[in-house]
């Protein structure tokens, strides 16, 4: 019998070969796709918590995310066939004027690992592009990233544009120069100092157990 605890451990350890083989084995044995997905999301939840606690670092998080990504390639057709849908949609991007994307990419990986459909707008994203994406995709959360102090004001401009459009979407901000105080100052709904915290925050917004 396929061992889903072993699958969780394989994803958490970043063992891509084992994660994909266990996923294939579980599907062949008729294990419900949702149960397999739950095993993977549990792994990424643990990875995020360990990252936030400083027990692991960016390379370990990336390795785990890649293991899940490869296992998901095996699982996704069965998820679609079983009618399993992401629990929510999120939009993320680095604000206009800023070309940094490592932090944004880590958050996107963690959100995907929490079974969130992620629309990644990339870098140097204008306020209007965020507004258009929210109108099109109807996300529950928008993530704004900035690494430069000079682009921090563009976060406020983007938030103002989203609110002026009538959207009540939750807005999370993060990046090296960002602080909780700045998030409160510009009326963001949340601040995430790292990718693990961003994953926990979106679960809080959705009232999903960790």
N, C-alpha and C. Protein backbone atom coordinates (compact mmCIF):
# COMPACT_ATOMS: atom_id res chain seq x y z
N UNK A 1 0.84 -1.21 0.00
CA UNK A 1 0.00 0.00 0.00
C UNK A 1 0.87 1.26 0.00
N UNK A 2 0.45 2.25 -0.76
CA UNK A 2 1.16 3.52 -0.78
C UNK A 2 1.08 4.18 0.59
N UNK A 3 2.17 4.73 1.03
CA UNK A 3 2.25 5.36 2.35
C UNK A 3 2.27 6.87 2.16
N UNK A 4 1.15 7.52 2.50
CA UNK A 4 1.07 8.97 2.31
C UNK A 4 1.97 9.72 3.28
N UNK A 5 2.26 9.11 4.43
CA UNK A 5 3.20 9.75 5.34
C UNK A 5 4.60 9.79 4.72
N UNK A 6 4.93 8.76 3.97
CA UNK A 6 6.22 8.76 3.26
C UNK A 6 6.21 9.82 2.16
N UNK A 7 5.07 10.02 1.53
CA UNK A 7 4.97 11.07 0.50
C UNK A 7 5.18 12.44 1.12
N UNK A 8 4.54 12.68 2.25
CA UNK A 8 4.73 13.94 2.96
C UNK A 8 6.21 14.15 3.29
N UNK A 9 6.84 13.10 3.80
CA UNK A 9 8.26 13.20 4.16
C UNK A 9 9.14 13.44 2.94
N UNK A 10 8.79 12.81 1.81
CA UNK A 10 9.59 12.97 0.59
C UNK A 10 9.51 14.39 0.07
N UNK A 11 8.32 14.97 0.06
CA UNK A 11 8.17 16.36 -0.40
C UNK A 11 8.91 17.29 0.55
N UNK A 12 8.74 17.08 1.85
CA UNK A 12 9.39 17.95 2.83
C UNK A 12 10.91 17.89 2.68
N UNK A 13 11.43 16.71 2.37
CA UNK A 13 12.88 16.55 2.22
C UNK A 13 13.37 16.97 0.84
N UNK A 14 12.44 17.24 -0.08
CA UNK A 14 12.84 17.64 -1.43
C UNK A 14 13.28 16.49 -2.29
N UNK A 15 12.82 15.27 -1.98
CA UNK A 15 13.20 14.09 -2.75
C UNK A 15 12.22 13.92 -3.91
N UNK A 16 12.57 14.50 -5.06
CA UNK A 16 11.65 14.52 -6.20
C UNK A 16 11.33 13.13 -6.73
N UNK A 17 12.34 12.29 -6.84
CA UNK A 17 12.14 10.96 -7.39
C UNK A 17 11.19 10.14 -6.53
N UNK A 18 11.40 10.18 -5.22
CA UNK A 18 10.53 9.43 -4.31
C UNK A 18 9.12 10.01 -4.30
N UNK A 19 9.01 11.34 -4.31
CA UNK A 19 7.69 11.98 -4.28
C UNK A 19 6.87 11.61 -5.51
N UNK A 20 7.50 11.61 -6.67
CA UNK A 20 6.75 11.27 -7.89
C UNK A 20 6.39 9.79 -7.93
N UNK A 21 7.32 8.93 -7.50
CA UNK A 21 7.02 7.49 -7.53
C UNK A 21 5.94 7.12 -6.53
N UNK A 22 5.94 7.74 -5.36
CA UNK A 22 4.90 7.47 -4.37
C UNK A 22 3.55 7.99 -4.84
N UNK A 23 3.55 9.12 -5.53
CA UNK A 23 2.30 9.65 -6.08
C UNK A 23 1.75 8.70 -7.14
N UNK A 24 2.61 8.23 -8.01
CA UNK A 24 2.20 7.28 -9.05
C UNK A 24 1.65 6.00 -8.42
N UNK A 25 2.34 5.52 -7.40
CA UNK A 25 1.92 4.30 -6.70
C UNK A 25 0.57 4.48 -6.03
N UNK A 26 0.39 5.61 -5.37
CA UNK A 26 -0.88 5.87 -4.68
C UNK A 26 -2.05 5.92 -5.66
N UNK A 27 -1.85 6.58 -6.79
CA UNK A 27 -2.90 6.67 -7.80
C UNK A 27 -3.23 5.28 -8.35
N UNK A 28 -2.19 4.48 -8.60
CA UNK A 28 -2.41 3.13 -9.13
C UNK A 28 -3.19 2.26 -8.16
N UNK A 29 -3.05 2.54 -6.86
CA UNK A 29 -3.75 1.76 -5.85
C UNK A 29 -5.14 2.32 -5.53
N UNK A 30 -5.51 3.40 -6.24
CA UNK A 30 -6.85 3.94 -6.06
C UNK A 30 -7.02 4.90 -4.91
N UNK A 31 -5.91 5.41 -4.38
CA UNK A 31 -6.00 6.41 -3.31
C UNK A 31 -6.65 7.68 -3.87
N UNK A 32 -7.54 8.29 -3.12
CA UNK A 32 -8.25 9.48 -3.58
C UNK A 32 -7.26 10.61 -3.88
N UNK A 33 -7.39 11.27 -5.04
CA UNK A 33 -6.49 12.37 -5.36
C UNK A 33 -6.44 13.45 -4.28
N UNK A 34 -7.59 13.72 -3.66
CA UNK A 34 -7.61 14.74 -2.60
C UNK A 34 -6.71 14.34 -1.43
N UNK A 35 -6.71 13.06 -1.08
CA UNK A 35 -5.88 12.60 0.02
C UNK A 35 -4.39 12.75 -0.32
N UNK A 36 -4.05 12.48 -1.58
CA UNK A 36 -2.66 12.65 -2.01
C UNK A 36 -2.27 14.12 -1.96
N UNK A 37 -3.17 14.98 -2.43
CA UNK A 37 -2.91 16.42 -2.39
C UNK A 37 -2.75 16.89 -0.95
N UNK A 38 -3.59 16.39 -0.06
CA UNK A 38 -3.50 16.78 1.35
C UNK A 38 -2.14 16.42 1.95
N UNK A 39 -1.60 15.26 1.54
CA UNK A 39 -0.29 14.85 2.03
C UNK A 39 0.79 15.82 1.58
N UNK A 40 0.67 16.31 0.35
CA UNK A 40 1.65 17.27 -0.18
C UNK A 40 1.52 18.64 0.49
N UNK A 41 0.28 19.10 0.65
CA UNK A 41 0.09 20.42 1.27
C UNK A 41 0.53 20.40 2.73
N UNK A 42 0.37 19.26 3.39
CA UNK A 42 0.86 19.13 4.76
C UNK A 42 2.37 19.31 4.80
N UNK A 43 3.04 18.72 3.82
CA UNK A 43 4.50 18.85 3.74
C UNK A 43 4.91 20.30 3.58
N UNK A 44 4.26 21.02 2.67
CA UNK A 44 4.63 22.41 2.42
C UNK A 44 4.28 23.30 3.61
N UNK A 45 3.22 22.96 4.32
CA UNK A 45 2.91 23.70 5.54
C UNK A 45 4.01 23.56 6.57
N UNK A 46 4.53 22.35 6.69
CA UNK A 46 5.64 22.12 7.62
C UNK A 46 6.89 22.85 7.16
N UNK A 47 7.15 22.82 5.86
CA UNK A 47 8.32 23.52 5.32
C UNK A 47 8.22 25.02 5.62
N UNK A 48 7.03 25.59 5.41
CA UNK A 48 6.85 27.02 5.68
C UNK A 48 7.07 27.36 7.13
N UNK A 49 6.56 26.52 8.03
CA UNK A 49 6.73 26.76 9.46
C UNK A 49 8.20 26.68 9.87
N UNK A 50 8.91 25.70 9.30
CA UNK A 50 10.33 25.54 9.63
C UNK A 50 11.15 26.71 9.07
N UNK A 51 10.76 27.19 7.89
CA UNK A 51 11.45 28.34 7.30
C UNK A 51 11.25 29.58 8.17
N UNK A 52 10.02 29.80 8.60
CA UNK A 52 9.71 30.97 9.43
C UNK A 52 10.46 30.91 10.76
N UNK A 53 10.67 29.68 11.26
CA UNK A 53 11.37 29.51 12.53
C UNK A 53 12.89 29.58 12.39
N UNK A 54 13.38 29.66 11.14
CA UNK A 54 14.81 29.72 10.91
C UNK A 54 15.51 28.38 10.96
N UNK A 55 14.72 27.29 10.92
CA UNK A 55 15.30 25.95 10.97
C UNK A 55 15.83 25.51 9.60
N UNK A 56 15.24 26.04 8.54
CA UNK A 56 15.73 25.78 7.18
C UNK A 56 15.82 27.11 6.45
N UNK A 57 16.43 27.08 5.27
CA UNK A 57 16.66 28.33 4.54
C UNK A 57 16.15 28.21 3.11
N UNK A 58 16.38 29.25 2.32
CA UNK A 58 15.80 29.32 0.97
C UNK A 58 16.12 28.08 0.12
N UNK A 59 17.35 27.57 0.09
CA UNK A 59 17.61 26.40 -0.75
C UNK A 59 16.73 25.20 -0.40
N UNK A 60 16.57 24.93 0.90
CA UNK A 60 15.73 23.80 1.32
C UNK A 60 14.27 24.01 0.91
N UNK A 61 13.81 25.25 1.03
CA UNK A 61 12.43 25.54 0.64
C UNK A 61 12.25 25.34 -0.87
N UNK A 62 13.21 25.80 -1.64
CA UNK A 62 13.13 25.64 -3.10
C UNK A 62 13.13 24.17 -3.50
N UNK A 63 13.96 23.37 -2.85
CA UNK A 63 14.04 21.94 -3.16
C UNK A 63 12.71 21.26 -2.85
N UNK A 64 12.11 21.60 -1.71
CA UNK A 64 10.82 21.01 -1.37
C UNK A 64 9.74 21.43 -2.36
N UNK A 65 9.75 22.70 -2.74
CA UNK A 65 8.74 23.19 -3.69
C UNK A 65 8.88 22.51 -5.04
N UNK A 66 10.10 22.24 -5.46
CA UNK A 66 10.31 21.57 -6.74
C UNK A 66 9.85 20.11 -6.67
N UNK A 67 10.06 19.48 -5.52
CA UNK A 67 9.58 18.10 -5.36
C UNK A 67 8.07 18.04 -5.47
N UNK A 68 7.40 19.01 -4.83
CA UNK A 68 5.95 19.03 -4.92
C UNK A 68 5.50 19.33 -6.34
N UNK A 69 6.20 20.23 -7.02
CA UNK A 69 5.83 20.59 -8.38
C UNK A 69 5.88 19.37 -9.30
N UNK A 70 6.91 18.56 -9.17
CA UNK A 70 7.03 17.38 -10.03
C UNK A 70 5.97 16.33 -9.68
N UNK A 71 5.71 16.17 -8.38
CA UNK A 71 4.67 15.22 -7.99
C UNK A 71 3.29 15.70 -8.45
N UNK A 72 3.10 17.01 -8.46
CA UNK A 72 1.82 17.57 -8.90
C UNK A 72 1.59 17.33 -10.38
N UNK A 73 2.66 17.29 -11.17
CA UNK A 73 2.50 17.00 -12.59
C UNK A 73 1.88 15.62 -12.80
N UNK A 74 2.22 14.69 -11.90
CA UNK A 74 1.64 13.35 -11.95
C UNK A 74 0.19 13.37 -11.46
N UNK A 75 -0.05 14.16 -10.43
CA UNK A 75 -1.36 14.15 -9.76
C UNK A 75 -2.44 14.97 -10.48
N UNK A 76 -2.04 16.06 -11.13
CA UNK A 76 -3.02 17.02 -11.65
C UNK A 76 -4.10 16.42 -12.55
N UNK A 77 -3.77 15.52 -13.49
CA UNK A 77 -4.85 14.96 -14.31
C UNK A 77 -5.92 14.24 -13.48
N UNK A 78 -5.49 13.56 -12.43
CA UNK A 78 -6.45 12.87 -11.56
C UNK A 78 -7.25 13.85 -10.72
N UNK A 79 -6.62 14.95 -10.32
CA UNK A 79 -7.37 15.98 -9.58
C UNK A 79 -8.47 16.56 -10.45
N UNK A 80 -8.11 16.86 -11.71
CA UNK A 80 -9.10 17.40 -12.64
C UNK A 80 -10.22 16.40 -12.86
N UNK A 81 -9.84 15.14 -13.06
CA UNK A 81 -10.84 14.11 -13.29
C UNK A 81 -11.78 13.91 -12.12
N UNK A 82 -11.24 14.12 -10.91
CA UNK A 82 -12.05 13.96 -9.70
C UNK A 82 -12.80 15.23 -9.33
N UNK A 83 -12.59 16.29 -10.10
CA UNK A 83 -13.28 17.55 -9.82
C UNK A 83 -12.72 18.32 -8.65
N UNK A 84 -11.47 18.01 -8.24
CA UNK A 84 -10.85 18.72 -7.12
C UNK A 84 -10.35 20.08 -7.60
N UNK A 85 -10.77 21.13 -6.95
CA UNK A 85 -10.43 22.49 -7.34
C UNK A 85 -9.55 23.15 -6.28
N UNK A 86 -8.71 24.12 -6.67
CA UNK A 86 -7.99 24.91 -5.67
C UNK A 86 -8.97 25.56 -4.70
N UNK A 87 -8.53 25.75 -3.47
CA UNK A 87 -9.44 26.31 -2.47
C UNK A 87 -9.69 27.80 -2.70
N UNK A 88 -8.82 28.46 -3.46
CA UNK A 88 -8.97 29.89 -3.71
C UNK A 88 -7.98 30.30 -4.79
N UNK A 89 -8.09 31.56 -5.20
CA UNK A 89 -7.16 32.13 -6.17
C UNK A 89 -6.45 33.33 -5.56
N UNK A 90 -5.17 33.47 -5.87
CA UNK A 90 -4.40 34.63 -5.42
C UNK A 90 -3.69 35.25 -6.62
N UNK A 91 -3.50 36.55 -6.58
CA UNK A 91 -2.72 37.28 -7.57
C UNK A 91 -1.48 37.81 -6.87
N UNK A 92 -0.33 37.71 -7.53
CA UNK A 92 0.91 38.20 -6.91
C UNK A 92 1.78 38.88 -7.95
N UNK A 93 2.58 39.84 -7.51
CA UNK A 93 3.49 40.51 -8.42
C UNK A 93 4.40 41.46 -7.67
N UNK A 94 5.52 41.81 -8.30
CA UNK A 94 6.42 42.83 -7.78
C UNK A 94 5.98 44.17 -8.37
N UNK A 95 5.89 45.17 -7.52
CA UNK A 95 5.29 46.44 -7.94
C UNK A 95 6.12 47.16 -9.00
N UNK A 96 5.47 48.10 -9.66
CA UNK A 96 6.09 48.85 -10.75
C UNK A 96 7.39 49.52 -10.31
N UNK A 97 8.42 49.40 -11.16
CA UNK A 97 9.71 49.99 -10.87
C UNK A 97 10.70 49.04 -10.22
N UNK A 98 10.21 47.87 -9.81
CA UNK A 98 11.06 46.90 -9.09
C UNK A 98 11.13 45.60 -9.90
N UNK A 99 12.35 45.12 -10.13
CA UNK A 99 12.54 43.93 -10.97
C UNK A 99 12.94 42.69 -10.16
N UNK A 100 12.88 42.76 -8.85
CA UNK A 100 13.29 41.63 -8.01
C UNK A 100 12.15 40.62 -7.90
N UNK A 101 12.52 39.35 -7.95
CA UNK A 101 11.44 38.34 -7.95
C UNK A 101 11.67 37.11 -7.08
N UNK A 102 12.83 36.99 -6.41
CA UNK A 102 13.08 35.77 -5.65
C UNK A 102 12.07 35.60 -4.52
N UNK A 103 11.85 36.65 -3.74
CA UNK A 103 10.89 36.56 -2.65
C UNK A 103 9.48 36.29 -3.16
N UNK A 104 9.11 36.99 -4.21
CA UNK A 104 7.78 36.79 -4.81
C UNK A 104 7.61 35.35 -5.27
N UNK A 105 8.63 34.81 -5.90
CA UNK A 105 8.54 33.44 -6.40
C UNK A 105 8.41 32.43 -5.27
N UNK A 106 9.10 32.67 -4.17
CA UNK A 106 8.99 31.78 -3.02
C UNK A 106 7.57 31.81 -2.44
N UNK A 107 7.00 33.00 -2.33
CA UNK A 107 5.63 33.10 -1.82
C UNK A 107 4.67 32.40 -2.76
N UNK A 108 4.84 32.59 -4.06
CA UNK A 108 3.97 31.92 -5.02
C UNK A 108 4.06 30.41 -4.88
N UNK A 109 5.27 29.89 -4.69
CA UNK A 109 5.45 28.44 -4.50
C UNK A 109 4.71 27.97 -3.25
N UNK A 110 4.84 28.72 -2.16
CA UNK A 110 4.20 28.32 -0.92
C UNK A 110 2.68 28.38 -1.04
N UNK A 111 2.17 29.38 -1.73
CA UNK A 111 0.72 29.46 -1.92
C UNK A 111 0.22 28.30 -2.77
N UNK A 112 0.97 27.96 -3.82
CA UNK A 112 0.58 26.81 -4.63
C UNK A 112 0.61 25.53 -3.79
N UNK A 113 1.59 25.46 -2.89
CA UNK A 113 1.68 24.31 -2.01
C UNK A 113 0.55 24.22 -1.02
N UNK A 114 -0.17 25.32 -0.83
CA UNK A 114 -1.35 25.33 0.04
C UNK A 114 -2.64 25.14 -0.77
N UNK A 115 -2.49 24.67 -2.00
CA UNK A 115 -3.62 24.43 -2.92
C UNK A 115 -4.34 25.72 -3.27
N UNK A 116 -3.56 26.77 -3.48
CA UNK A 116 -4.08 28.05 -3.96
C UNK A 116 -3.69 28.19 -5.43
N UNK A 117 -4.64 28.56 -6.28
CA UNK A 117 -4.32 28.87 -7.67
C UNK A 117 -3.66 30.25 -7.71
N UNK A 118 -2.46 30.33 -8.24
CA UNK A 118 -1.69 31.58 -8.21
C UNK A 118 -1.56 32.17 -9.61
N UNK A 119 -1.98 33.42 -9.74
CA UNK A 119 -1.77 34.18 -10.97
C UNK A 119 -0.58 35.10 -10.72
N UNK A 120 0.57 34.74 -11.30
CA UNK A 120 1.81 35.49 -11.07
C UNK A 120 1.98 36.50 -12.20
N UNK A 121 1.90 37.77 -11.85
CA UNK A 121 2.00 38.85 -12.85
C UNK A 121 3.44 39.22 -13.16
N UNK A 122 4.39 38.65 -12.42
CA UNK A 122 5.80 38.92 -12.70
C UNK A 122 6.31 40.15 -11.95
N UNK A 123 7.22 40.87 -12.58
CA UNK A 123 7.86 42.02 -11.96
C UNK A 123 7.46 43.30 -12.70
N UNK A 124 7.74 44.44 -12.04
CA UNK A 124 7.47 45.75 -12.66
C UNK A 124 6.01 45.86 -13.08
N UNK A 125 5.12 45.47 -12.16
CA UNK A 125 3.69 45.40 -12.47
C UNK A 125 3.00 46.72 -12.11
N UNK A 126 2.32 47.30 -13.05
CA UNK A 126 1.66 48.59 -12.82
C UNK A 126 0.42 48.41 -11.95
N UNK A 127 0.01 49.48 -11.27
CA UNK A 127 -1.23 49.41 -10.49
C UNK A 127 -2.42 48.96 -11.33
N UNK A 128 -2.51 49.47 -12.56
CA UNK A 128 -3.65 49.10 -13.40
C UNK A 128 -3.63 47.62 -13.75
N UNK A 129 -2.43 47.05 -13.91
CA UNK A 129 -2.34 45.62 -14.20
C UNK A 129 -2.85 44.79 -13.03
N UNK A 130 -2.57 45.24 -11.81
CA UNK A 130 -3.13 44.55 -10.64
C UNK A 130 -4.65 44.67 -10.63
N UNK A 131 -5.15 45.86 -10.91
CA UNK A 131 -6.60 46.07 -10.94
C UNK A 131 -7.25 45.16 -11.97
N UNK A 132 -6.66 45.11 -13.16
CA UNK A 132 -7.21 44.28 -14.24
C UNK A 132 -7.20 42.80 -13.85
N UNK A 133 -6.12 42.36 -13.20
CA UNK A 133 -6.02 40.95 -12.81
C UNK A 133 -7.05 40.60 -11.75
N UNK A 134 -7.30 41.51 -10.84
CA UNK A 134 -8.31 41.27 -9.80
C UNK A 134 -9.69 41.20 -10.43
N UNK A 135 -9.96 42.08 -11.38
CA UNK A 135 -11.25 42.07 -12.08
C UNK A 135 -11.45 40.76 -12.83
N UNK A 136 -10.38 40.28 -13.47
CA UNK A 136 -10.48 39.07 -14.28
C UNK A 136 -10.55 37.79 -13.46
N UNK A 137 -9.69 37.68 -12.45
CA UNK A 137 -9.51 36.40 -11.76
C UNK A 137 -10.27 36.28 -10.44
N UNK A 138 -10.77 37.39 -9.91
CA UNK A 138 -11.54 37.38 -8.66
C UNK A 138 -10.78 36.67 -7.52
N UNK A 139 -9.56 37.09 -7.22
CA UNK A 139 -8.80 36.43 -6.16
C UNK A 139 -9.30 36.81 -4.77
N UNK A 140 -8.93 36.01 -3.79
CA UNK A 140 -9.23 36.37 -2.41
C UNK A 140 -8.10 37.19 -1.81
N UNK A 141 -6.90 37.06 -2.40
CA UNK A 141 -5.73 37.75 -1.88
C UNK A 141 -4.88 38.28 -3.04
N UNK A 142 -4.32 39.47 -2.83
CA UNK A 142 -3.30 40.01 -3.74
C UNK A 142 -2.02 40.19 -2.94
N UNK A 143 -0.91 39.69 -3.48
CA UNK A 143 0.38 39.86 -2.84
C UNK A 143 1.22 40.88 -3.59
N UNK A 144 1.70 41.89 -2.88
CA UNK A 144 2.56 42.93 -3.46
C UNK A 144 3.95 42.80 -2.87
N UNK A 145 4.96 42.73 -3.74
CA UNK A 145 6.35 42.60 -3.29
C UNK A 145 7.17 43.80 -3.74
N UNK A 146 8.12 44.20 -2.89
CA UNK A 146 9.08 45.26 -3.24
C UNK A 146 10.36 45.01 -2.46
N UNK A 147 11.49 45.16 -3.12
CA UNK A 147 12.78 44.99 -2.45
C UNK A 147 13.50 46.32 -2.27
N UNK A 148 13.10 47.31 -3.04
CA UNK A 148 13.78 48.60 -3.00
C UNK A 148 12.98 49.61 -2.18
N UNK A 149 13.66 50.41 -1.38
CA UNK A 149 12.95 51.45 -0.63
C UNK A 149 12.31 52.46 -1.59
N UNK A 150 12.92 52.64 -2.77
CA UNK A 150 12.39 53.60 -3.73
C UNK A 150 11.08 53.14 -4.37
N UNK A 151 10.80 51.84 -4.31
CA UNK A 151 9.55 51.36 -4.91
C UNK A 151 8.47 51.08 -3.86
N UNK A 152 8.81 51.25 -2.59
CA UNK A 152 7.80 51.06 -1.55
C UNK A 152 6.55 51.93 -1.76
N UNK A 153 6.73 53.23 -2.13
CA UNK A 153 5.53 54.06 -2.33
C UNK A 153 4.58 53.51 -3.39
N UNK A 154 5.10 52.72 -4.34
CA UNK A 154 4.24 52.15 -5.37
C UNK A 154 3.28 51.13 -4.78
N UNK A 155 3.62 50.57 -3.64
CA UNK A 155 2.67 49.69 -2.96
C UNK A 155 1.41 50.46 -2.55
N UNK A 156 1.62 51.63 -1.98
CA UNK A 156 0.47 52.46 -1.59
C UNK A 156 -0.33 52.87 -2.81
N UNK A 157 0.37 53.25 -3.89
CA UNK A 157 -0.32 53.64 -5.12
C UNK A 157 -1.17 52.49 -5.64
N UNK A 158 -0.63 51.27 -5.56
CA UNK A 158 -1.35 50.09 -6.04
C UNK A 158 -2.56 49.79 -5.15
N UNK A 159 -2.35 49.87 -3.85
CA UNK A 159 -3.48 49.64 -2.93
C UNK A 159 -4.57 50.67 -3.15
N UNK A 160 -4.17 51.91 -3.31
CA UNK A 160 -5.16 52.98 -3.56
C UNK A 160 -5.93 52.70 -4.86
N UNK A 161 -5.23 52.22 -5.89
CA UNK A 161 -5.89 51.93 -7.16
C UNK A 161 -6.87 50.77 -7.01
N UNK A 162 -6.49 49.75 -6.25
CA UNK A 162 -7.38 48.62 -6.04
C UNK A 162 -8.63 49.05 -5.28
N UNK A 163 -8.44 49.86 -4.26
CA UNK A 163 -9.60 50.31 -3.48
C UNK A 163 -10.49 51.25 -4.31
N UNK A 164 -9.86 52.10 -5.12
CA UNK A 164 -10.63 53.01 -5.96
C UNK A 164 -11.46 52.26 -6.99
N UNK A 165 -11.00 51.05 -7.34
CA UNK A 165 -11.75 50.25 -8.32
C UNK A 165 -12.96 49.57 -7.69
N UNK A 166 -13.07 49.69 -6.38
CA UNK A 166 -14.20 49.06 -5.68
C UNK A 166 -13.90 47.70 -5.12
N UNK A 167 -12.67 47.23 -5.28
CA UNK A 167 -12.31 45.90 -4.82
C UNK A 167 -12.10 45.88 -3.31
N UNK A 168 -12.57 44.81 -2.68
CA UNK A 168 -12.35 44.61 -1.25
C UNK A 168 -11.40 43.44 -1.00
N UNK A 169 -10.65 43.04 -2.04
CA UNK A 169 -9.72 41.91 -1.94
C UNK A 169 -8.72 42.16 -0.81
N UNK A 170 -8.33 41.09 -0.13
CA UNK A 170 -7.30 41.20 0.90
C UNK A 170 -5.95 41.45 0.22
N UNK A 171 -5.15 42.35 0.80
CA UNK A 171 -3.87 42.71 0.21
C UNK A 171 -2.76 42.45 1.23
N UNK A 172 -1.78 41.64 0.81
CA UNK A 172 -0.63 41.30 1.63
C UNK A 172 0.61 41.89 1.00
N UNK A 173 1.47 42.50 1.81
CA UNK A 173 2.70 43.06 1.28
C UNK A 173 3.91 42.44 1.97
N UNK A 174 5.05 42.47 1.26
CA UNK A 174 6.27 41.94 1.83
C UNK A 174 7.48 42.34 1.01
N UNK A 175 8.65 42.08 1.58
CA UNK A 175 9.90 42.45 0.94
C UNK A 175 10.87 42.94 1.99
N UNK A 176 12.14 42.96 1.66
CA UNK A 176 13.18 43.27 2.64
C UNK A 176 12.97 44.58 3.41
N UNK A 177 12.57 45.68 2.76
CA UNK A 177 12.45 46.93 3.51
C UNK A 177 11.09 47.13 4.19
N UNK A 178 10.17 46.18 4.00
CA UNK A 178 8.80 46.36 4.48
C UNK A 178 8.70 46.01 5.96
N UNK A 179 7.89 46.75 6.68
CA UNK A 179 7.67 46.51 8.11
C UNK A 179 6.17 46.41 8.38
N UNK A 180 5.81 45.83 9.52
CA UNK A 180 4.38 45.81 9.89
C UNK A 180 3.80 47.22 9.99
N UNK A 181 4.62 48.15 10.46
CA UNK A 181 4.16 49.52 10.61
C UNK A 181 3.84 50.14 9.25
N UNK A 182 4.68 49.84 8.26
CA UNK A 182 4.42 50.38 6.92
C UNK A 182 3.16 49.76 6.33
N UNK A 183 2.97 48.48 6.56
CA UNK A 183 1.75 47.81 6.07
C UNK A 183 0.51 48.48 6.65
N UNK A 184 0.56 48.78 7.93
CA UNK A 184 -0.58 49.45 8.57
C UNK A 184 -0.75 50.86 8.03
N UNK A 185 0.36 51.55 7.80
CA UNK A 185 0.33 52.93 7.32
C UNK A 185 -0.36 53.05 5.97
N UNK A 186 -0.12 52.07 5.08
CA UNK A 186 -0.68 52.16 3.73
C UNK A 186 -1.96 51.34 3.58
N UNK A 187 -2.46 50.84 4.73
CA UNK A 187 -3.75 50.14 4.78
C UNK A 187 -3.74 48.80 4.03
N UNK A 188 -2.60 48.10 4.10
CA UNK A 188 -2.59 46.71 3.64
C UNK A 188 -3.31 45.86 4.68
N UNK A 189 -3.80 44.71 4.26
CA UNK A 189 -4.51 43.83 5.19
C UNK A 189 -3.58 42.89 5.93
N UNK A 190 -2.34 42.77 5.46
CA UNK A 190 -1.41 41.88 6.12
C UNK A 190 0.02 42.13 5.67
N UNK A 191 0.95 41.68 6.51
CA UNK A 191 2.38 41.80 6.24
C UNK A 191 3.01 40.43 6.43
N UNK A 192 3.83 40.02 5.48
CA UNK A 192 4.50 38.73 5.56
C UNK A 192 6.01 38.94 5.46
N UNK A 193 6.75 38.66 6.52
CA UNK A 193 8.20 38.83 6.47
C UNK A 193 8.91 37.77 5.65
N UNK A 194 8.23 36.65 5.39
CA UNK A 194 8.85 35.57 4.61
C UNK A 194 7.75 34.72 3.99
N UNK A 195 8.18 33.76 3.14
CA UNK A 195 7.21 32.95 2.39
C UNK A 195 6.38 32.06 3.31
N UNK A 196 7.00 31.54 4.36
CA UNK A 196 6.24 30.71 5.29
C UNK A 196 5.14 31.49 5.97
N UNK A 197 5.44 32.72 6.35
CA UNK A 197 4.43 33.58 6.98
C UNK A 197 3.32 33.91 6.00
N UNK A 198 3.68 34.10 4.73
CA UNK A 198 2.67 34.41 3.70
C UNK A 198 1.70 33.25 3.54
N UNK A 199 2.21 32.01 3.62
CA UNK A 199 1.35 30.85 3.51
C UNK A 199 0.41 30.76 4.71
N UNK A 200 0.94 31.02 5.90
CA UNK A 200 0.10 31.00 7.10
C UNK A 200 -0.96 32.09 7.05
N UNK A 201 -0.58 33.26 6.52
CA UNK A 201 -1.50 34.38 6.46
C UNK A 201 -2.68 34.10 5.54
N UNK A 202 -2.41 33.48 4.39
CA UNK A 202 -3.51 33.21 3.47
C UNK A 202 -4.44 32.15 4.06
N UNK A 203 -3.88 31.20 4.83
CA UNK A 203 -4.74 30.23 5.51
C UNK A 203 -5.63 30.92 6.53
N UNK A 204 -5.08 31.93 7.21
CA UNK A 204 -5.90 32.69 8.17
C UNK A 204 -7.04 33.42 7.46
N UNK A 205 -6.73 34.04 6.33
CA UNK A 205 -7.76 34.75 5.58
C UNK A 205 -8.87 33.80 5.15
N UNK A 206 -8.47 32.57 4.77
CA UNK A 206 -9.45 31.59 4.28
C UNK A 206 -10.05 30.75 5.39
N UNK A 207 -9.52 30.94 6.62
CA UNK A 207 -9.94 30.15 7.77
C UNK A 207 -9.74 28.65 7.51
N UNK A 208 -8.56 28.35 6.91
CA UNK A 208 -8.17 26.97 6.64
C UNK A 208 -7.23 26.51 7.75
N UNK A 209 -7.45 25.33 8.34
CA UNK A 209 -6.54 24.85 9.39
C UNK A 209 -5.13 24.67 8.85
N UNK A 210 -4.14 24.92 9.71
CA UNK A 210 -2.72 24.75 9.31
C UNK A 210 -2.41 23.27 9.09
